[in-house]
Amino acid sequence: MTRIGYAPGVYDLFHIGHLNLLRNARRHCDHLVAGVTSDDLTMRLKGRSPVIPVSERVAIVRSLRCVDAAVVELEEDKLEVWKRIGFHVIFKGDDWRGTPKWEVLERRFAQVGVEVVYFPYTMHTSSTLLRGALELLTAKPPPAIPSAQLAKPLDQEGCHEQDMGQQQSAVHRKEDVLTSQE
């Protein structure tokens, strides 16, 4: 019997963590199908659209030697995907292990004989981190404040004190002149 594996994910901003997961998944099955979530499904699940459109994400994932097929995942319910594809094992990063969603999925998959396998999450690289870095790099600079509204630097404030001292000296000299004329 051919053991079919399924590796769902967004695969946005494809990075080494994605590659590690897919390579590991391929070692645990005879035929690996990668499920790439649609832009709409990603928006519903994560609250934001992917940076890379689904057609490009599918093309990237499909081009990998370790992936036998890549499909667009349109539905959130992984059991519905299972009915369509008929996989024997599903693969996820272990950052999902123990979450309420995947605890429920583990029980549901056990009822239909599907094994759930978790692989180590790549801590130093994630699409979320990459997206954050891109947002910082492309952020607009803060609006400029007109110089008339800026406080004078401290080193310039001392100059006013010197000016005041010179003005006071001039006043004292004028007083001295007036006193001597009396």
N, C-alpha and C. Protein backbone atom coordinates (compact mmCIF):
# COMPACT_ATOMS: atom_id res chain seq x y z
N MET A 1 0.83 -1.18 0.00
CA MET A 1 0.00 0.00 0.00
C MET A 1 0.89 1.26 0.00
N THR A 2 0.55 2.23 -0.82
CA THR A 2 1.26 3.51 -0.88
C THR A 2 0.78 4.38 0.27
N ARG A 3 1.73 4.82 1.08
CA ARG A 3 1.42 5.68 2.23
C ARG A 3 1.43 7.13 1.76
N ILE A 4 0.24 7.77 1.80
CA ILE A 4 0.10 9.14 1.34
C ILE A 4 0.18 10.08 2.54
N GLY A 5 1.04 11.08 2.41
CA GLY A 5 1.19 12.08 3.46
C GLY A 5 0.65 13.43 2.99
N TYR A 6 0.20 14.22 3.94
CA TYR A 6 -0.35 15.53 3.64
C TYR A 6 0.29 16.56 4.57
N ALA A 7 0.82 17.63 3.99
CA ALA A 7 1.48 18.69 4.76
C ALA A 7 0.81 20.03 4.45
N PRO A 8 -0.18 20.43 5.25
CA PRO A 8 -0.86 21.71 5.00
C PRO A 8 -0.07 22.89 5.56
N GLY A 9 -0.24 24.03 4.91
CA GLY A 9 0.40 25.24 5.41
C GLY A 9 0.14 26.41 4.49
N VAL A 10 0.48 27.59 4.95
CA VAL A 10 0.35 28.79 4.13
C VAL A 10 1.54 28.86 3.17
N TYR A 11 2.71 28.52 3.66
CA TYR A 11 3.96 28.57 2.88
C TYR A 11 4.22 29.95 2.30
N ASP A 12 3.91 30.98 3.09
CA ASP A 12 4.15 32.35 2.67
C ASP A 12 5.60 32.70 2.98
N LEU A 13 6.23 33.48 2.15
CA LEU A 13 7.62 33.86 2.33
C LEU A 13 8.46 32.61 2.61
N PHE A 14 8.43 31.68 1.68
CA PHE A 14 9.02 30.35 1.84
C PHE A 14 10.42 30.44 2.44
N HIS A 15 10.67 29.65 3.49
CA HIS A 15 11.93 29.70 4.22
C HIS A 15 12.36 28.29 4.65
N ILE A 16 13.48 28.21 5.34
CA ILE A 16 14.09 26.93 5.72
C ILE A 16 13.17 26.09 6.61
N GLY A 17 12.35 26.70 7.42
CA GLY A 17 11.41 25.95 8.25
C GLY A 17 10.41 25.17 7.39
N HIS A 18 9.92 25.81 6.33
CA HIS A 18 9.02 25.12 5.39
C HIS A 18 9.75 23.96 4.72
N LEU A 19 10.95 24.23 4.26
CA LEU A 19 11.73 23.19 3.58
C LEU A 19 12.00 22.01 4.51
N ASN A 20 12.39 22.29 5.75
CA ASN A 20 12.64 21.22 6.73
C ASN A 20 11.39 20.37 6.95
N LEU A 21 10.25 21.01 7.11
CA LEU A 21 9.00 20.28 7.34
C LEU A 21 8.69 19.37 6.15
N LEU A 22 8.79 19.90 4.94
CA LEU A 22 8.46 19.10 3.75
C LEU A 22 9.46 17.97 3.53
N ARG A 23 10.72 18.22 3.75
CA ARG A 23 11.74 17.14 3.62
C ARG A 23 11.48 16.04 4.64
N ASN A 24 11.23 16.44 5.90
CA ASN A 24 10.95 15.44 6.93
C ASN A 24 9.68 14.66 6.61
N ALA A 25 8.67 15.35 6.13
CA ALA A 25 7.40 14.69 5.79
C ALA A 25 7.63 13.65 4.70
N ARG A 26 8.42 14.00 3.71
CA ARG A 26 8.66 13.08 2.58
C ARG A 26 9.33 11.79 3.06
N ARG A 27 10.15 11.87 4.07
CA ARG A 27 10.83 10.68 4.61
C ARG A 27 9.86 9.73 5.32
N HIS A 28 8.66 10.23 5.66
CA HIS A 28 7.68 9.44 6.42
C HIS A 28 6.49 8.98 5.58
N CYS A 29 6.60 9.11 4.27
CA CYS A 29 5.50 8.65 3.41
C CYS A 29 6.06 8.31 2.02
N ASP A 30 5.23 7.67 1.22
CA ASP A 30 5.63 7.31 -0.15
C ASP A 30 5.26 8.39 -1.16
N HIS A 31 4.22 9.13 -0.85
CA HIS A 31 3.70 10.15 -1.76
C HIS A 31 3.30 11.35 -0.90
N LEU A 32 3.93 12.51 -1.15
CA LEU A 32 3.65 13.69 -0.32
C LEU A 32 2.84 14.72 -1.10
N VAL A 33 1.73 15.09 -0.50
CA VAL A 33 0.89 16.16 -1.04
C VAL A 33 1.01 17.35 -0.08
N ALA A 34 1.36 18.51 -0.64
CA ALA A 34 1.41 19.74 0.16
C ALA A 34 0.13 20.52 -0.10
N GLY A 35 -0.55 20.90 0.97
CA GLY A 35 -1.75 21.72 0.86
C GLY A 35 -1.40 23.17 1.14
N VAL A 36 -1.55 24.02 0.15
CA VAL A 36 -1.22 25.43 0.27
C VAL A 36 -2.54 26.20 0.47
N THR A 37 -2.69 26.87 1.60
CA THR A 37 -3.96 27.54 1.89
C THR A 37 -4.18 28.70 0.93
N SER A 38 -5.42 28.82 0.50
CA SER A 38 -5.79 29.90 -0.43
C SER A 38 -5.64 31.25 0.28
N ASP A 39 -5.60 32.30 -0.50
CA ASP A 39 -5.50 33.64 0.07
C ASP A 39 -6.70 33.94 0.97
N ASP A 40 -7.91 33.55 0.50
CA ASP A 40 -9.13 33.80 1.29
C ASP A 40 -9.12 33.02 2.60
N LEU A 41 -8.73 31.75 2.54
CA LEU A 41 -8.68 30.94 3.76
C LEU A 41 -7.64 31.49 4.72
N THR A 42 -6.50 31.91 4.22
CA THR A 42 -5.47 32.50 5.07
C THR A 42 -6.00 33.76 5.75
N MET A 43 -6.71 34.57 5.01
CA MET A 43 -7.29 35.80 5.57
C MET A 43 -8.28 35.46 6.70
N ARG A 44 -9.10 34.43 6.48
CA ARG A 44 -10.07 34.03 7.51
C ARG A 44 -9.37 33.46 8.74
N LEU A 45 -8.32 32.67 8.53
CA LEU A 45 -7.66 32.00 9.65
C LEU A 45 -6.70 32.91 10.42
N LYS A 46 -5.99 33.76 9.70
CA LYS A 46 -4.94 34.57 10.33
C LYS A 46 -5.27 36.04 10.45
N GLY A 47 -6.33 36.46 9.77
CA GLY A 47 -6.71 37.85 9.85
C GLY A 47 -5.91 38.77 8.95
N ARG A 48 -5.10 38.21 8.09
CA ARG A 48 -4.32 39.00 7.13
C ARG A 48 -4.03 38.14 5.90
N SER A 49 -3.88 38.81 4.78
CA SER A 49 -3.58 38.10 3.54
C SER A 49 -2.10 37.74 3.49
N PRO A 50 -1.76 36.68 2.77
CA PRO A 50 -0.34 36.37 2.59
C PRO A 50 0.36 37.45 1.76
N VAL A 51 1.66 37.56 1.91
CA VAL A 51 2.44 38.50 1.10
C VAL A 51 2.52 37.98 -0.34
N ILE A 52 2.75 36.69 -0.48
CA ILE A 52 2.90 36.06 -1.79
C ILE A 52 1.55 35.45 -2.20
N PRO A 53 1.07 35.73 -3.41
CA PRO A 53 -0.23 35.17 -3.84
C PRO A 53 -0.18 33.64 -3.97
N VAL A 54 -1.35 33.01 -3.80
CA VAL A 54 -1.44 31.55 -3.77
C VAL A 54 -0.85 30.89 -5.02
N SER A 55 -1.05 31.46 -6.19
CA SER A 55 -0.52 30.83 -7.41
C SER A 55 1.00 30.72 -7.36
N GLU A 56 1.67 31.72 -6.82
CA GLU A 56 3.13 31.68 -6.70
C GLU A 56 3.57 30.74 -5.58
N ARG A 57 2.84 30.73 -4.46
CA ARG A 57 3.19 29.82 -3.35
C ARG A 57 3.05 28.37 -3.79
N VAL A 58 2.00 28.06 -4.54
CA VAL A 58 1.81 26.69 -5.06
C VAL A 58 2.94 26.33 -6.01
N ALA A 59 3.32 27.24 -6.89
CA ALA A 59 4.40 26.98 -7.86
C ALA A 59 5.72 26.70 -7.14
N ILE A 60 6.01 27.47 -6.09
CA ILE A 60 7.24 27.26 -5.32
C ILE A 60 7.23 25.88 -4.68
N VAL A 61 6.16 25.56 -3.97
CA VAL A 61 6.08 24.28 -3.25
C VAL A 61 6.08 23.11 -4.22
N ARG A 62 5.34 23.23 -5.31
CA ARG A 62 5.25 22.16 -6.30
C ARG A 62 6.61 21.87 -6.95
N SER A 63 7.49 22.86 -7.03
CA SER A 63 8.78 22.69 -7.69
C SER A 63 9.79 21.91 -6.86
N LEU A 64 9.49 21.66 -5.60
CA LEU A 64 10.43 20.94 -4.73
C LEU A 64 10.43 19.44 -5.05
N ARG A 65 11.62 18.84 -5.07
CA ARG A 65 11.74 17.40 -5.33
C ARG A 65 11.03 16.55 -4.28
N CYS A 66 10.98 17.03 -3.06
CA CYS A 66 10.39 16.24 -1.98
C CYS A 66 8.86 16.25 -2.02
N VAL A 67 8.26 17.11 -2.83
CA VAL A 67 6.80 17.23 -2.93
C VAL A 67 6.34 16.57 -4.22
N ASP A 68 5.42 15.61 -4.09
CA ASP A 68 4.88 14.92 -5.28
C ASP A 68 3.72 15.69 -5.91
N ALA A 69 2.97 16.40 -5.08
CA ALA A 69 1.83 17.18 -5.59
C ALA A 69 1.56 18.32 -4.62
N ALA A 70 1.07 19.42 -5.18
CA ALA A 70 0.66 20.55 -4.34
C ALA A 70 -0.76 20.93 -4.76
N VAL A 71 -1.61 21.14 -3.76
CA VAL A 71 -3.00 21.51 -4.02
C VAL A 71 -3.33 22.77 -3.23
N VAL A 72 -4.30 23.51 -3.73
CA VAL A 72 -4.78 24.68 -3.00
C VAL A 72 -5.81 24.20 -1.99
N GLU A 73 -5.59 24.57 -0.75
CA GLU A 73 -6.52 24.19 0.33
C GLU A 73 -7.54 25.31 0.48
N LEU A 74 -8.79 24.96 0.25
CA LEU A 74 -9.87 25.95 0.26
C LEU A 74 -10.72 25.90 1.52
N GLU A 75 -10.74 24.75 2.19
CA GLU A 75 -11.60 24.61 3.36
C GLU A 75 -10.77 24.46 4.63
N GLU A 76 -11.31 25.01 5.71
CA GLU A 76 -10.62 24.96 7.00
C GLU A 76 -10.64 23.55 7.61
N ASP A 77 -11.69 22.80 7.37
CA ASP A 77 -11.87 21.48 7.97
C ASP A 77 -10.94 20.46 7.30
N LYS A 78 -9.92 20.04 8.04
CA LYS A 78 -8.93 19.10 7.49
C LYS A 78 -9.55 17.74 7.18
N LEU A 79 -10.64 17.37 7.85
CA LEU A 79 -11.29 16.10 7.53
C LEU A 79 -11.94 16.15 6.15
N GLU A 80 -12.42 17.30 5.77
CA GLU A 80 -12.96 17.47 4.41
C GLU A 80 -11.85 17.31 3.38
N VAL A 81 -10.67 17.84 3.69
CA VAL A 81 -9.51 17.69 2.81
C VAL A 81 -9.14 16.21 2.73
N TRP A 82 -9.17 15.52 3.87
CA TRP A 82 -8.87 14.09 3.90
C TRP A 82 -9.83 13.30 3.00
N LYS A 83 -11.11 13.64 3.04
CA LYS A 83 -12.09 12.95 2.19
C LYS A 83 -11.75 13.13 0.72
N ARG A 84 -11.23 14.27 0.36
CA ARG A 84 -10.90 14.56 -1.04
C ARG A 84 -9.58 13.91 -1.46
N ILE A 85 -8.58 13.90 -0.56
CA ILE A 85 -7.24 13.44 -0.94
C ILE A 85 -6.99 11.99 -0.50
N GLY A 86 -7.51 11.62 0.66
CA GLY A 86 -7.33 10.25 1.15
C GLY A 86 -5.94 9.98 1.72
N PHE A 87 -5.36 10.93 2.45
CA PHE A 87 -4.02 10.72 3.03
C PHE A 87 -4.08 9.82 4.27
N HIS A 88 -2.94 9.21 4.57
CA HIS A 88 -2.82 8.31 5.73
C HIS A 88 -2.16 8.98 6.93
N VAL A 89 -1.41 10.04 6.66
CA VAL A 89 -0.68 10.75 7.71
C VAL A 89 -0.68 12.24 7.36
N ILE A 90 -0.82 13.06 8.41
CA ILE A 90 -0.78 14.51 8.23
C ILE A 90 0.38 15.05 9.05
N PHE A 91 1.09 16.03 8.49
CA PHE A 91 2.30 16.58 9.12
C PHE A 91 2.10 18.06 9.46
N LYS A 92 2.57 18.44 10.66
CA LYS A 92 2.52 19.84 11.09
C LYS A 92 3.76 20.14 11.91
N GLY A 93 4.08 21.43 12.06
CA GLY A 93 5.15 21.84 12.96
C GLY A 93 4.69 21.67 14.40
N ASP A 94 5.64 21.36 15.28
CA ASP A 94 5.24 21.08 16.67
C ASP A 94 4.81 22.31 17.45
N ASP A 95 4.82 23.48 16.82
CA ASP A 95 4.25 24.65 17.48
C ASP A 95 2.72 24.52 17.57
N TRP A 96 2.15 23.59 16.79
CA TRP A 96 0.70 23.34 16.83
C TRP A 96 0.32 22.24 17.83
N ARG A 97 1.30 21.46 18.26
CA ARG A 97 1.02 20.37 19.20
C ARG A 97 0.44 20.93 20.50
N GLY A 98 -0.64 20.31 20.98
CA GLY A 98 -1.24 20.71 22.24
C GLY A 98 -2.19 21.89 22.14
N THR A 99 -2.36 22.45 20.95
CA THR A 99 -3.33 23.54 20.81
C THR A 99 -4.73 22.93 20.77
N PRO A 100 -5.72 23.66 21.24
CA PRO A 100 -7.09 23.12 21.23
C PRO A 100 -7.51 22.62 19.84
N LYS A 101 -7.19 23.39 18.81
CA LYS A 101 -7.58 23.01 17.45
C LYS A 101 -6.99 21.65 17.06
N TRP A 102 -5.69 21.47 17.30
CA TRP A 102 -5.05 20.23 16.88
C TRP A 102 -5.33 19.06 17.82
N GLU A 103 -5.66 19.32 19.07
CA GLU A 103 -6.09 18.23 19.95
C GLU A 103 -7.40 17.63 19.44
N VAL A 104 -8.31 18.50 19.00
CA VAL A 104 -9.58 18.03 18.42
C VAL A 104 -9.30 17.28 17.12
N LEU A 105 -8.44 17.84 16.26
CA LEU A 105 -8.12 17.17 14.99
C LEU A 105 -7.46 15.81 15.21
N GLU A 106 -6.59 15.70 16.21
CA GLU A 106 -5.96 14.41 16.50
C GLU A 106 -7.02 13.35 16.81
N ARG A 107 -8.01 13.71 17.63
CA ARG A 107 -9.08 12.76 17.97
C ARG A 107 -9.91 12.41 16.74
N ARG A 108 -10.25 13.41 15.94
CA ARG A 108 -11.05 13.16 14.74
C ARG A 108 -10.28 12.30 13.73
N PHE A 109 -8.99 12.58 13.55
CA PHE A 109 -8.19 11.79 12.61
C PHE A 109 -7.99 10.36 13.12
N ALA A 110 -7.86 10.19 14.43
CA ALA A 110 -7.70 8.84 14.99
C ALA A 110 -8.93 7.98 14.66
N GLN A 111 -10.09 8.60 14.64
CA GLN A 111 -11.33 7.85 14.33
C GLN A 111 -11.35 7.31 12.91
N VAL A 112 -10.60 7.96 11.99
CA VAL A 112 -10.57 7.50 10.60
C VAL A 112 -9.23 6.88 10.22
N GLY A 113 -8.37 6.66 11.23
CA GLY A 113 -7.10 5.97 11.00
C GLY A 113 -5.98 6.83 10.43
N VAL A 114 -6.08 8.14 10.56
CA VAL A 114 -5.02 9.03 10.08
C VAL A 114 -4.08 9.36 11.24
N GLU A 115 -2.79 9.18 10.98
CA GLU A 115 -1.77 9.49 11.98
C GLU A 115 -1.40 10.97 11.87
N VAL A 116 -1.21 11.62 13.02
CA VAL A 116 -0.75 13.01 13.07
C VAL A 116 0.70 13.00 13.53
N VAL A 117 1.59 13.58 12.72
CA VAL A 117 3.02 13.61 13.03
C VAL A 117 3.45 15.08 13.09
N TYR A 118 4.13 15.41 14.20
CA TYR A 118 4.65 16.77 14.38
C TYR A 118 6.17 16.76 14.19
N PHE A 119 6.67 17.78 13.52
CA PHE A 119 8.11 17.95 13.34
C PHE A 119 8.55 19.21 14.07
N PRO A 120 9.85 19.25 14.46
CA PRO A 120 10.35 20.42 15.20
C PRO A 120 10.13 21.72 14.43
N TYR A 121 9.64 22.70 15.17
CA TYR A 121 9.42 24.04 14.63
C TYR A 121 10.77 24.75 14.55
N THR A 122 11.02 25.44 13.46
CA THR A 122 12.27 26.19 13.29
C THR A 122 12.12 27.53 13.99
N MET A 123 12.71 27.65 15.17
CA MET A 123 12.50 28.83 16.02
C MET A 123 13.08 30.11 15.44
N HIS A 124 14.23 30.03 14.79
CA HIS A 124 14.91 31.25 14.36
C HIS A 124 14.36 31.85 13.07
N THR A 125 13.49 31.13 12.38
CA THR A 125 12.92 31.65 11.13
C THR A 125 11.45 31.29 11.07
N SER A 126 10.64 32.29 10.76
CA SER A 126 9.22 32.03 10.53
C SER A 126 8.70 33.10 9.58
N SER A 127 7.60 32.80 8.93
CA SER A 127 6.99 33.79 8.03
C SER A 127 6.56 35.03 8.81
N THR A 128 6.13 34.83 10.06
CA THR A 128 5.72 35.96 10.89
C THR A 128 6.90 36.89 11.15
N LEU A 129 8.07 36.31 11.49
CA LEU A 129 9.27 37.12 11.70
C LEU A 129 9.69 37.83 10.42
N LEU A 130 9.67 37.10 9.31
CA LEU A 130 10.06 37.70 8.03
C LEU A 130 9.11 38.82 7.64
N ARG A 131 7.83 38.60 7.85
CA ARG A 131 6.83 39.63 7.53
C ARG A 131 7.05 40.88 8.39
N GLY A 132 7.34 40.68 9.66
CA GLY A 132 7.63 41.80 10.55
C GLY A 132 8.85 42.59 10.09
N ALA A 133 9.90 41.87 9.68
CA ALA A 133 11.10 42.53 9.18
C ALA A 133 10.79 43.33 7.91
N LEU A 134 10.00 42.76 7.02
CA LEU A 134 9.62 43.48 5.80
C LEU A 134 8.82 44.74 6.12
N GLU A 135 7.93 44.62 7.08
CA GLU A 135 7.13 45.79 7.47
C GLU A 135 8.00 46.90 8.04
N LEU A 136 9.02 46.53 8.82
CA LEU A 136 9.94 47.53 9.36
C LEU A 136 10.74 48.19 8.24
N LEU A 137 11.19 47.40 7.29
CA LEU A 137 11.99 47.92 6.18
C LEU A 137 11.18 48.84 5.26
N THR A 138 9.91 48.58 5.15
CA THR A 138 9.08 49.37 4.23
C THR A 138 8.23 50.41 4.94
N ALA A 139 8.41 50.54 6.25
CA ALA A 139 7.61 51.51 7.01
C ALA A 139 7.97 52.93 6.60
N LYS A 140 6.97 53.77 6.57
CA LYS A 140 7.18 55.19 6.25
C LYS A 140 7.81 55.87 7.46
N PRO A 141 8.73 56.80 7.23
CA PRO A 141 9.33 57.51 8.38
C PRO A 141 8.26 58.35 9.07
N PRO A 142 8.45 58.63 10.35
CA PRO A 142 7.47 59.46 11.06
C PRO A 142 7.42 60.85 10.43
N PRO A 143 6.29 61.53 10.53
CA PRO A 143 6.18 62.86 9.92
C PRO A 143 7.18 63.82 10.56
N ALA A 144 7.73 64.70 9.73
CA ALA A 144 8.69 65.69 10.21
C ALA A 144 7.97 66.76 11.01
N ILE A 145 8.59 67.20 12.08
CA ILE A 145 8.04 68.28 12.89
C ILE A 145 8.73 69.56 12.44
N PRO A 146 7.98 70.60 12.09
CA PRO A 146 8.62 71.85 11.66
C PRO A 146 9.58 72.35 12.73
N SER A 147 10.72 72.92 12.32
CA SER A 147 11.76 73.32 13.26
C SER A 147 11.27 74.38 14.25
N ALA A 148 10.29 75.17 13.89
CA ALA A 148 9.77 76.19 14.81
C ALA A 148 9.15 75.55 16.05
N GLN A 149 8.74 74.30 15.95
CA GLN A 149 8.11 73.64 17.09
C GLN A 149 9.10 72.85 17.92
N LEU A 150 10.33 72.74 17.44
CA LEU A 150 11.31 71.95 18.18
C LEU A 150 11.91 72.77 19.31
N ALA A 151 12.17 72.13 20.41
CA ALA A 151 12.84 72.80 21.52
C ALA A 151 14.29 73.05 21.12
N LYS A 152 14.87 74.15 21.65
CA LYS A 152 16.26 74.45 21.35
C LYS A 152 17.15 73.44 22.06
N PRO A 153 18.20 72.99 21.39
CA PRO A 153 19.14 72.09 22.05
C PRO A 153 19.74 72.76 23.28
N LEU A 154 20.12 71.95 24.26
CA LEU A 154 20.64 72.49 25.52
C LEU A 154 21.87 73.35 25.32
N ASP A 155 22.74 72.96 24.38
CA ASP A 155 23.96 73.73 24.19
C ASP A 155 23.66 75.14 23.66
N GLN A 156 22.52 75.31 23.02
CA GLN A 156 22.13 76.64 22.53
C GLN A 156 21.45 77.44 23.63
N GLU A 157 20.84 76.75 24.58
CA GLU A 157 20.18 77.46 25.67
C GLU A 157 21.21 78.21 26.51
N GLY A 158 22.41 77.64 26.68
CA GLY A 158 23.48 78.30 27.43
C GLY A 158 23.87 79.63 26.80
N CYS A 159 23.74 79.74 25.50
CA CYS A 159 24.07 80.98 24.81
C CYS A 159 23.16 82.10 25.27
N HIS A 160 21.89 81.79 25.54
CA HIS A 160 20.97 82.81 26.03
C HIS A 160 21.43 83.33 27.38
N GLU A 161 21.93 82.44 28.22
CA GLU A 161 22.41 82.87 29.52
C GLU A 161 23.61 83.78 29.36
N GLN A 162 24.50 83.46 28.38
CA GLN A 162 25.64 84.33 28.13
C GLN A 162 25.17 85.69 27.64
N ASP A 163 24.19 85.68 26.72
CA ASP A 163 23.63 86.94 26.22
C ASP A 163 23.06 87.75 27.37
N MET A 164 22.33 87.10 28.27
CA MET A 164 21.74 87.80 29.40
C MET A 164 22.84 88.39 30.29
N GLY A 165 23.91 87.60 30.49
CA GLY A 165 25.03 88.08 31.32
C GLY A 165 25.67 89.30 30.69
N GLN A 166 25.85 89.28 29.38
CA GLN A 166 26.45 90.42 28.70
C GLN A 166 25.53 91.64 28.78
N GLN A 167 24.24 91.45 28.63
CA GLN A 167 23.30 92.56 28.73
C GLN A 167 23.30 93.15 30.13
N GLN A 168 23.38 92.28 31.15
CA GLN A 168 23.41 92.78 32.52
C GLN A 168 24.68 93.56 32.79
N SER A 169 25.80 93.09 32.24
CA SER A 169 27.07 93.81 32.41
C SER A 169 26.98 95.18 31.79
N ALA A 170 26.36 95.25 30.62
CA ALA A 170 26.21 96.54 29.95
C ALA A 170 25.35 97.48 30.78
N VAL A 171 24.32 96.97 31.39
CA VAL A 171 23.45 97.78 32.24
C VAL A 171 24.25 98.30 33.43
N HIS A 172 25.03 97.41 34.06
CA HIS A 172 25.83 97.82 35.21
C HIS A 172 26.84 98.88 34.81
N ARG A 173 27.49 98.74 33.62
CA ARG A 173 28.45 99.73 33.17
C ARG A 173 27.76 101.07 32.95
N LYS A 174 26.55 101.05 32.38
CA LYS A 174 25.80 102.28 32.14
C LYS A 174 25.45 102.93 33.48
N GLU A 175 25.09 102.11 34.47
CA GLU A 175 24.77 102.64 35.79
C GLU A 175 26.01 103.28 36.41
N ASP A 176 27.18 102.62 36.22
CA ASP A 176 28.43 103.14 36.75
C ASP A 176 28.74 104.50 36.13
N VAL A 177 28.51 104.60 34.81
CA VAL A 177 28.75 105.87 34.10
C VAL A 177 27.83 106.94 34.63
N LEU A 178 26.56 106.61 34.80
CA LEU A 178 25.60 107.60 35.32
C LEU A 178 25.95 108.01 36.73
N THR A 179 26.38 107.11 37.56
CA THR A 179 26.71 107.41 38.94
C THR A 179 27.93 108.32 38.99
N SER A 180 28.91 108.09 38.15
CA SER A 180 30.13 108.89 38.17
C SER A 180 29.87 110.29 37.64
N GLN A 181 28.82 110.48 36.86
CA GLN A 181 28.50 111.80 36.34
C GLN A 181 27.77 112.64 37.37
N GLU A 182 27.25 112.06 38.37
CA GLU A 182 26.49 112.81 39.36
C GLU A 182 27.38 113.57 40.24
